[in-house]
N, C-alpha and C. Protein backbone atom coordinates (compact mmCIF):
# COMPACT_ATOMS: atom_id res chain seq x y z
N UNK A 1 14.75 -13.22 -8.87
CA UNK A 1 14.48 -14.62 -9.11
C UNK A 1 13.14 -14.99 -8.49
N UNK A 2 12.20 -15.48 -9.29
CA UNK A 2 10.89 -15.85 -8.75
C UNK A 2 10.98 -17.06 -7.82
N UNK A 3 10.30 -16.98 -6.72
CA UNK A 3 10.19 -18.11 -5.82
C UNK A 3 8.86 -18.01 -5.07
N UNK A 4 8.57 -19.01 -4.27
CA UNK A 4 7.29 -19.08 -3.58
C UNK A 4 7.13 -17.96 -2.57
N UNK A 5 8.21 -17.56 -1.91
CA UNK A 5 8.12 -16.50 -0.91
C UNK A 5 7.69 -15.19 -1.56
N UNK A 6 8.25 -14.87 -2.71
CA UNK A 6 7.87 -13.64 -3.41
C UNK A 6 6.41 -13.69 -3.85
N UNK A 7 5.97 -14.86 -4.33
CA UNK A 7 4.59 -15.00 -4.76
C UNK A 7 3.62 -14.85 -3.59
N UNK A 8 3.92 -15.50 -2.47
CA UNK A 8 3.05 -15.40 -1.30
C UNK A 8 3.04 -13.97 -0.77
N UNK A 9 4.20 -13.32 -0.74
CA UNK A 9 4.25 -11.93 -0.27
C UNK A 9 3.44 -11.03 -1.18
N UNK A 10 3.55 -11.22 -2.49
CA UNK A 10 2.80 -10.39 -3.44
C UNK A 10 1.30 -10.60 -3.29
N UNK A 11 0.88 -11.84 -3.18
CA UNK A 11 -0.55 -12.12 -3.02
C UNK A 11 -1.09 -11.64 -1.68
N UNK A 12 -0.26 -11.76 -0.62
CA UNK A 12 -0.69 -11.30 0.70
C UNK A 12 -0.90 -9.80 0.73
N UNK A 13 0.06 -9.05 0.20
CA UNK A 13 -0.10 -7.59 0.20
C UNK A 13 -1.19 -7.15 -0.76
N UNK A 14 -1.41 -7.89 -1.84
CA UNK A 14 -2.53 -7.57 -2.73
C UNK A 14 -3.86 -7.73 -2.00
N UNK A 15 -3.98 -8.79 -1.21
CA UNK A 15 -5.20 -9.01 -0.43
C UNK A 15 -5.39 -7.91 0.61
N UNK A 16 -4.31 -7.54 1.29
CA UNK A 16 -4.40 -6.45 2.27
C UNK A 16 -4.81 -5.16 1.59
N UNK A 17 -4.23 -4.87 0.43
CA UNK A 17 -4.58 -3.65 -0.30
C UNK A 17 -6.05 -3.66 -0.71
N UNK A 18 -6.56 -4.81 -1.12
CA UNK A 18 -7.97 -4.92 -1.50
C UNK A 18 -8.89 -4.65 -0.32
N UNK A 19 -8.57 -5.26 0.82
CA UNK A 19 -9.40 -5.09 2.02
C UNK A 19 -9.36 -3.64 2.51
N UNK A 20 -8.16 -3.07 2.58
CA UNK A 20 -8.02 -1.71 3.09
C UNK A 20 -8.66 -0.70 2.13
N UNK A 21 -8.60 -0.96 0.83
CA UNK A 21 -9.25 -0.06 -0.13
C UNK A 21 -10.76 -0.01 0.13
N UNK A 22 -11.33 -1.16 0.45
CA UNK A 22 -12.75 -1.18 0.79
C UNK A 22 -13.06 -0.45 2.07
N UNK A 23 -12.12 -0.45 3.02
CA UNK A 23 -12.33 0.28 4.27
C UNK A 23 -12.13 1.79 4.10
N UNK A 24 -11.33 2.18 3.13
CA UNK A 24 -11.02 3.60 2.93
C UNK A 24 -12.16 4.33 2.23
N UNK A 25 -12.83 3.67 1.32
CA UNK A 25 -13.85 4.34 0.50
C UNK A 25 -14.93 5.06 1.31
N UNK A 26 -15.47 4.48 2.38
CA UNK A 26 -16.50 5.21 3.14
C UNK A 26 -15.95 6.44 3.88
N UNK A 27 -14.64 6.52 4.08
CA UNK A 27 -14.06 7.64 4.81
C UNK A 27 -13.84 8.87 3.94
N UNK A 28 -13.85 8.70 2.64
CA UNK A 28 -13.60 9.80 1.72
C UNK A 28 -14.87 10.61 1.51
N UNK A 29 -14.74 11.82 0.98
CA UNK A 29 -15.93 12.66 0.77
C UNK A 29 -16.96 11.98 -0.12
N UNK A 30 -18.22 12.24 0.20
CA UNK A 30 -19.30 11.62 -0.54
C UNK A 30 -19.31 12.13 -1.98
N UNK A 31 -19.59 11.25 -2.89
CA UNK A 31 -19.62 11.60 -4.30
C UNK A 31 -18.28 11.50 -4.99
N UNK A 32 -17.26 11.07 -4.28
CA UNK A 32 -15.93 10.94 -4.89
C UNK A 32 -15.93 9.74 -5.84
N UNK A 33 -15.39 9.95 -7.04
CA UNK A 33 -15.31 8.89 -8.03
C UNK A 33 -14.00 8.14 -7.81
N UNK A 34 -14.10 6.86 -7.48
CA UNK A 34 -12.91 6.08 -7.17
C UNK A 34 -12.28 5.43 -8.39
N UNK A 35 -13.03 5.20 -9.43
CA UNK A 35 -12.47 4.64 -10.66
C UNK A 35 -11.69 3.36 -10.41
N UNK A 36 -10.39 3.39 -10.74
CA UNK A 36 -9.52 2.23 -10.59
C UNK A 36 -8.79 2.22 -9.25
N UNK A 37 -9.30 2.91 -8.26
CA UNK A 37 -8.65 3.05 -6.96
C UNK A 37 -8.24 1.70 -6.37
N UNK A 38 -9.17 0.78 -6.29
CA UNK A 38 -8.89 -0.52 -5.68
C UNK A 38 -7.86 -1.29 -6.49
N UNK A 39 -7.98 -1.27 -7.81
CA UNK A 39 -7.08 -2.06 -8.64
C UNK A 39 -5.67 -1.48 -8.68
N UNK A 40 -5.56 -0.18 -8.60
CA UNK A 40 -4.24 0.44 -8.50
C UNK A 40 -3.57 0.03 -7.20
N UNK A 41 -4.33 0.05 -6.10
CA UNK A 41 -3.77 -0.34 -4.81
C UNK A 41 -3.40 -1.82 -4.78
N UNK A 42 -4.20 -2.67 -5.41
CA UNK A 42 -3.87 -4.09 -5.48
C UNK A 42 -2.58 -4.28 -6.28
N UNK A 43 -2.44 -3.55 -7.37
CA UNK A 43 -1.20 -3.62 -8.15
C UNK A 43 0.00 -3.17 -7.35
N UNK A 44 -0.16 -2.11 -6.57
CA UNK A 44 0.92 -1.66 -5.70
C UNK A 44 1.24 -2.72 -4.64
N UNK A 45 0.21 -3.39 -4.15
CA UNK A 45 0.42 -4.47 -3.18
C UNK A 45 1.24 -5.61 -3.77
N UNK A 46 0.95 -5.96 -5.01
CA UNK A 46 1.71 -7.02 -5.68
C UNK A 46 3.17 -6.60 -5.83
N UNK A 47 3.39 -5.37 -6.27
CA UNK A 47 4.76 -4.89 -6.49
C UNK A 47 5.52 -4.80 -5.17
N UNK A 48 4.90 -4.21 -4.15
CA UNK A 48 5.58 -4.08 -2.84
C UNK A 48 5.84 -5.45 -2.22
N UNK A 49 4.90 -6.37 -2.36
CA UNK A 49 5.12 -7.71 -1.82
C UNK A 49 6.26 -8.42 -2.51
N UNK A 50 6.30 -8.33 -3.83
CA UNK A 50 7.34 -9.01 -4.59
C UNK A 50 8.72 -8.40 -4.33
N UNK A 51 8.79 -7.06 -4.37
CA UNK A 51 10.08 -6.38 -4.28
C UNK A 51 10.56 -6.22 -2.83
N UNK A 52 9.68 -5.73 -1.97
CA UNK A 52 10.09 -5.38 -0.61
C UNK A 52 10.12 -6.62 0.28
N UNK A 53 9.03 -7.37 0.32
CA UNK A 53 8.94 -8.49 1.26
C UNK A 53 9.60 -9.76 0.76
N UNK A 54 9.43 -10.06 -0.52
CA UNK A 54 9.89 -11.34 -1.05
C UNK A 54 11.38 -11.55 -0.92
N UNK A 55 12.15 -10.51 -1.12
CA UNK A 55 13.61 -10.69 -1.07
C UNK A 55 14.15 -10.77 0.36
N UNK A 56 13.33 -10.42 1.35
CA UNK A 56 13.79 -10.45 2.74
C UNK A 56 13.32 -11.69 3.49
N UNK A 57 12.77 -12.64 2.81
CA UNK A 57 12.27 -13.86 3.46
C UNK A 57 13.43 -14.77 3.83
N UNK A 58 13.21 -15.59 4.86
CA UNK A 58 14.19 -16.60 5.23
C UNK A 58 15.15 -16.19 6.32
N UNK A 59 14.81 -15.21 7.12
CA UNK A 59 15.73 -14.73 8.16
C UNK A 59 15.26 -15.07 9.57
N UNK A 60 14.12 -15.73 9.72
CA UNK A 60 13.63 -16.09 11.04
C UNK A 60 12.26 -15.49 11.30
N UNK A 61 11.70 -15.84 12.45
CA UNK A 61 10.33 -15.43 12.76
C UNK A 61 10.21 -13.95 13.13
N UNK A 62 11.08 -13.45 13.98
CA UNK A 62 11.00 -12.03 14.35
C UNK A 62 11.26 -11.14 13.15
N UNK A 63 12.29 -11.40 12.35
CA UNK A 63 12.45 -10.60 11.13
C UNK A 63 11.28 -10.76 10.15
N UNK A 64 10.60 -11.90 10.20
CA UNK A 64 9.44 -12.09 9.32
C UNK A 64 8.32 -11.14 9.70
N UNK A 65 8.09 -10.97 10.99
CA UNK A 65 7.07 -10.01 11.44
C UNK A 65 7.47 -8.60 11.04
N UNK A 66 8.74 -8.26 11.25
CA UNK A 66 9.23 -6.94 10.84
C UNK A 66 9.12 -6.76 9.33
N UNK A 67 9.38 -7.83 8.59
CA UNK A 67 9.27 -7.79 7.14
C UNK A 67 7.83 -7.49 6.71
N UNK A 68 6.87 -8.12 7.37
CA UNK A 68 5.47 -7.87 7.04
C UNK A 68 5.05 -6.45 7.34
N UNK A 69 5.46 -5.93 8.49
CA UNK A 69 5.11 -4.55 8.84
C UNK A 69 5.79 -3.57 7.88
N UNK A 70 7.04 -3.86 7.52
CA UNK A 70 7.75 -3.01 6.56
C UNK A 70 7.07 -3.03 5.20
N UNK A 71 6.62 -4.20 4.77
CA UNK A 71 5.91 -4.30 3.50
C UNK A 71 4.62 -3.50 3.50
N UNK A 72 3.88 -3.55 4.60
CA UNK A 72 2.64 -2.80 4.70
C UNK A 72 2.92 -1.29 4.72
N UNK A 73 3.96 -0.89 5.43
CA UNK A 73 4.30 0.54 5.45
C UNK A 73 4.74 1.02 4.07
N UNK A 74 5.48 0.19 3.34
CA UNK A 74 5.86 0.55 1.97
C UNK A 74 4.63 0.66 1.09
N UNK A 75 3.69 -0.27 1.25
CA UNK A 75 2.44 -0.22 0.50
C UNK A 75 1.67 1.05 0.83
N UNK A 76 1.60 1.40 2.09
CA UNK A 76 0.90 2.60 2.51
C UNK A 76 1.56 3.85 1.92
N UNK A 77 2.89 3.92 1.98
CA UNK A 77 3.60 5.08 1.42
C UNK A 77 3.33 5.22 -0.08
N UNK A 78 3.53 4.13 -0.82
CA UNK A 78 3.36 4.22 -2.26
C UNK A 78 1.90 4.43 -2.65
N UNK A 79 0.98 3.87 -1.88
CA UNK A 79 -0.43 4.11 -2.15
C UNK A 79 -0.79 5.57 -1.98
N UNK A 80 -0.34 6.18 -0.88
CA UNK A 80 -0.62 7.60 -0.66
C UNK A 80 0.06 8.46 -1.73
N UNK A 81 1.29 8.09 -2.11
CA UNK A 81 2.00 8.86 -3.13
C UNK A 81 1.30 8.78 -4.49
N UNK A 82 0.94 7.58 -4.91
CA UNK A 82 0.31 7.42 -6.22
C UNK A 82 -1.07 8.06 -6.25
N UNK A 83 -1.85 7.88 -5.21
CA UNK A 83 -3.18 8.50 -5.18
C UNK A 83 -3.08 10.02 -5.09
N UNK A 84 -2.09 10.51 -4.34
CA UNK A 84 -1.86 11.95 -4.28
C UNK A 84 -1.42 12.51 -5.63
N UNK A 85 -0.56 11.77 -6.34
CA UNK A 85 -0.11 12.21 -7.66
C UNK A 85 -1.28 12.21 -8.65
N UNK A 86 -2.14 11.22 -8.57
CA UNK A 86 -3.30 11.19 -9.45
C UNK A 86 -4.22 12.38 -9.18
N UNK A 87 -4.48 12.65 -7.91
CA UNK A 87 -5.34 13.79 -7.58
C UNK A 87 -4.70 15.11 -8.00
N UNK A 88 -3.39 15.23 -7.83
CA UNK A 88 -2.70 16.45 -8.28
C UNK A 88 -2.84 16.60 -9.79
N UNK A 89 -2.66 15.51 -10.52
CA UNK A 89 -2.78 15.57 -11.98
C UNK A 89 -4.19 15.97 -12.38
N UNK A 90 -5.18 15.42 -11.68
CA UNK A 90 -6.57 15.76 -11.98
C UNK A 90 -6.83 17.25 -11.74
N UNK A 91 -6.30 17.78 -10.64
CA UNK A 91 -6.46 19.21 -10.36
C UNK A 91 -5.64 20.07 -11.31
N UNK A 92 -4.48 19.59 -11.72
CA UNK A 92 -3.64 20.36 -12.64
C UNK A 92 -4.32 20.50 -14.00
N UNK A 93 -5.07 19.50 -14.41
CA UNK A 93 -5.77 19.59 -15.68
C UNK A 93 -6.91 20.62 -15.62
N UNK A 94 -7.27 21.03 -14.44
CA UNK A 94 -8.29 22.08 -14.26
C UNK A 94 -7.65 23.42 -13.91
N UNK A 95 -6.35 23.51 -14.12
CA UNK A 95 -5.59 24.75 -13.89
C UNK A 95 -5.72 25.28 -12.46
N UNK A 96 -5.57 24.40 -11.49
CA UNK A 96 -5.67 24.79 -10.09
C UNK A 96 -4.33 25.24 -9.50
N UNK A 97 -3.25 25.08 -10.24
CA UNK A 97 -1.92 25.41 -9.72
C UNK A 97 -1.30 26.52 -10.57
N UNK A 98 -0.49 27.34 -9.92
CA UNK A 98 0.15 28.45 -10.62
C UNK A 98 1.41 28.03 -11.36
N UNK A 99 2.03 26.94 -10.95
CA UNK A 99 3.25 26.51 -11.60
C UNK A 99 3.55 25.06 -11.31
N UNK A 100 4.60 24.53 -11.94
CA UNK A 100 4.92 23.12 -11.76
C UNK A 100 5.40 22.77 -10.36
N UNK A 101 6.10 23.68 -9.71
CA UNK A 101 6.60 23.37 -8.37
C UNK A 101 5.47 23.35 -7.35
N UNK A 102 4.49 24.20 -7.54
CA UNK A 102 3.32 24.16 -6.66
C UNK A 102 2.57 22.84 -6.86
N UNK A 103 2.50 22.37 -8.10
CA UNK A 103 1.83 21.11 -8.39
C UNK A 103 2.59 19.93 -7.77
N UNK A 104 3.92 19.94 -7.88
CA UNK A 104 4.70 18.86 -7.29
C UNK A 104 4.58 18.86 -5.76
N UNK A 105 4.57 20.03 -5.16
CA UNK A 105 4.39 20.11 -3.71
C UNK A 105 3.00 19.63 -3.28
N UNK A 106 2.03 19.80 -4.17
CA UNK A 106 0.66 19.38 -3.86
C UNK A 106 0.55 17.86 -3.75
N UNK A 107 1.43 17.12 -4.43
CA UNK A 107 1.40 15.66 -4.31
C UNK A 107 1.55 15.27 -2.85
N UNK A 108 2.52 15.87 -2.19
CA UNK A 108 2.78 15.51 -0.78
C UNK A 108 1.71 16.07 0.15
N UNK A 109 1.20 17.25 -0.15
CA UNK A 109 0.12 17.81 0.67
C UNK A 109 -1.14 16.96 0.57
N UNK A 110 -1.49 16.58 -0.64
CA UNK A 110 -2.69 15.75 -0.83
C UNK A 110 -2.48 14.37 -0.21
N UNK A 111 -1.30 13.78 -0.41
CA UNK A 111 -1.01 12.47 0.20
C UNK A 111 -1.07 12.53 1.71
N UNK A 112 -0.55 13.62 2.29
CA UNK A 112 -0.59 13.78 3.75
C UNK A 112 -2.04 13.92 4.23
N UNK A 113 -2.84 14.67 3.50
CA UNK A 113 -4.26 14.81 3.87
C UNK A 113 -4.98 13.46 3.79
N UNK A 114 -4.70 12.70 2.74
CA UNK A 114 -5.29 11.36 2.63
C UNK A 114 -4.83 10.48 3.79
N UNK A 115 -3.56 10.59 4.15
CA UNK A 115 -3.02 9.81 5.27
C UNK A 115 -3.71 10.13 6.58
N UNK A 116 -3.99 11.42 6.81
CA UNK A 116 -4.71 11.79 8.03
C UNK A 116 -6.14 11.27 8.01
N UNK A 117 -6.74 11.25 6.84
CA UNK A 117 -8.11 10.78 6.72
C UNK A 117 -8.23 9.30 7.05
N UNK A 118 -7.24 8.51 6.64
CA UNK A 118 -7.37 7.05 6.84
C UNK A 118 -6.77 6.57 8.16
N UNK A 119 -6.29 7.45 8.99
CA UNK A 119 -5.72 7.02 10.27
C UNK A 119 -6.84 6.83 11.30
N UNK A 120 -7.59 5.78 11.10
CA UNK A 120 -8.64 5.38 12.03
C UNK A 120 -8.29 3.99 12.54
N UNK A 121 -8.76 3.63 13.73
CA UNK A 121 -8.36 2.34 14.33
C UNK A 121 -8.61 1.12 13.45
N UNK A 122 -9.72 1.07 12.74
CA UNK A 122 -10.02 -0.13 11.95
C UNK A 122 -8.98 -0.34 10.84
N UNK A 123 -8.56 0.73 10.22
CA UNK A 123 -7.56 0.60 9.15
C UNK A 123 -6.19 0.31 9.74
N UNK A 124 -5.84 0.97 10.83
CA UNK A 124 -4.53 0.73 11.45
C UNK A 124 -4.41 -0.72 11.89
N UNK A 125 -5.44 -1.25 12.54
CA UNK A 125 -5.39 -2.64 13.00
C UNK A 125 -5.37 -3.61 11.83
N UNK A 126 -6.13 -3.30 10.79
CA UNK A 126 -6.12 -4.17 9.61
C UNK A 126 -4.73 -4.21 8.98
N UNK A 127 -4.08 -3.06 8.89
CA UNK A 127 -2.73 -3.00 8.32
C UNK A 127 -1.73 -3.75 9.19
N UNK A 128 -1.79 -3.55 10.50
CA UNK A 128 -0.83 -4.21 11.39
C UNK A 128 -1.01 -5.72 11.43
N UNK A 129 -2.23 -6.17 11.64
CA UNK A 129 -2.49 -7.61 11.70
C UNK A 129 -2.22 -8.25 10.34
N UNK A 130 -2.65 -7.58 9.28
CA UNK A 130 -2.38 -8.10 7.94
C UNK A 130 -0.90 -8.18 7.64
N UNK A 131 -0.14 -7.17 8.07
CA UNK A 131 1.30 -7.17 7.85
C UNK A 131 1.99 -8.30 8.59
N UNK A 132 1.60 -8.52 9.83
CA UNK A 132 2.19 -9.62 10.62
C UNK A 132 1.87 -10.96 9.97
N UNK A 133 0.61 -11.16 9.58
CA UNK A 133 0.23 -12.43 8.95
C UNK A 133 0.91 -12.60 7.60
N UNK A 134 1.04 -11.53 6.84
CA UNK A 134 1.73 -11.61 5.54
C UNK A 134 3.19 -11.96 5.72
N UNK A 135 3.83 -11.36 6.72
CA UNK A 135 5.23 -11.68 6.99
C UNK A 135 5.42 -13.13 7.40
N UNK A 136 4.54 -13.62 8.26
CA UNK A 136 4.63 -15.02 8.69
C UNK A 136 4.34 -15.98 7.54
N UNK A 137 3.36 -15.64 6.69
CA UNK A 137 3.05 -16.49 5.54
C UNK A 137 4.21 -16.51 4.55
N UNK A 138 4.86 -15.39 4.37
CA UNK A 138 6.02 -15.32 3.48
C UNK A 138 7.16 -16.17 4.02
N UNK A 139 7.39 -16.08 5.32
CA UNK A 139 8.44 -16.89 5.94
C UNK A 139 8.12 -18.38 5.83
N UNK A 140 6.86 -18.74 6.06
CA UNK A 140 6.46 -20.14 5.94
C UNK A 140 6.67 -20.64 4.51
N UNK A 141 6.30 -19.82 3.52
CA UNK A 141 6.49 -20.21 2.12
C UNK A 141 7.97 -20.37 1.80
N UNK A 142 8.80 -19.52 2.35
CA UNK A 142 10.23 -19.64 2.09
C UNK A 142 10.78 -20.94 2.67
N UNK A 143 10.34 -21.28 3.89
CA UNK A 143 10.81 -22.51 4.52
C UNK A 143 10.27 -23.76 3.85
N UNK A 144 9.03 -23.69 3.40
CA UNK A 144 8.37 -24.86 2.84
C UNK A 144 8.85 -25.16 1.41
N UNK A 145 8.99 -24.13 0.59
CA UNK A 145 9.29 -24.33 -0.84
C UNK A 145 10.54 -23.55 -1.23
N UNK A 146 11.69 -24.00 -0.78
CA UNK A 146 12.93 -23.30 -1.13
C UNK A 146 13.28 -23.51 -2.54
């Protein structure tokens, strides 16, 4: 059921995804083609905000902070998974894998490598502060516009 809390959560995580995507790009290897990287992450932010955060609004301030951090962690997980799957598919089209199971395992290996690459203080703090603010904004929207 659409409501203001889901909309605010979706927009908040989309904004966080946009900001963090801009912070991630300089950390990746030079010459990497990002294509729709930012827009895919923004779309994931909208989905995670609507599904994960929006339905958990209205439980109080401390759960709101936890809700925001959970939403950001879900966004981070799905972002790493989708980007890892895209990179695996790109490599699979160049016949870099011996079989389908090796290719499926590569999704997690590539996602883990990307996760290690982006674990720098500026991104961690942006995710944490953004998650807390997104959770509080979602809670405020739920209280204001029931």
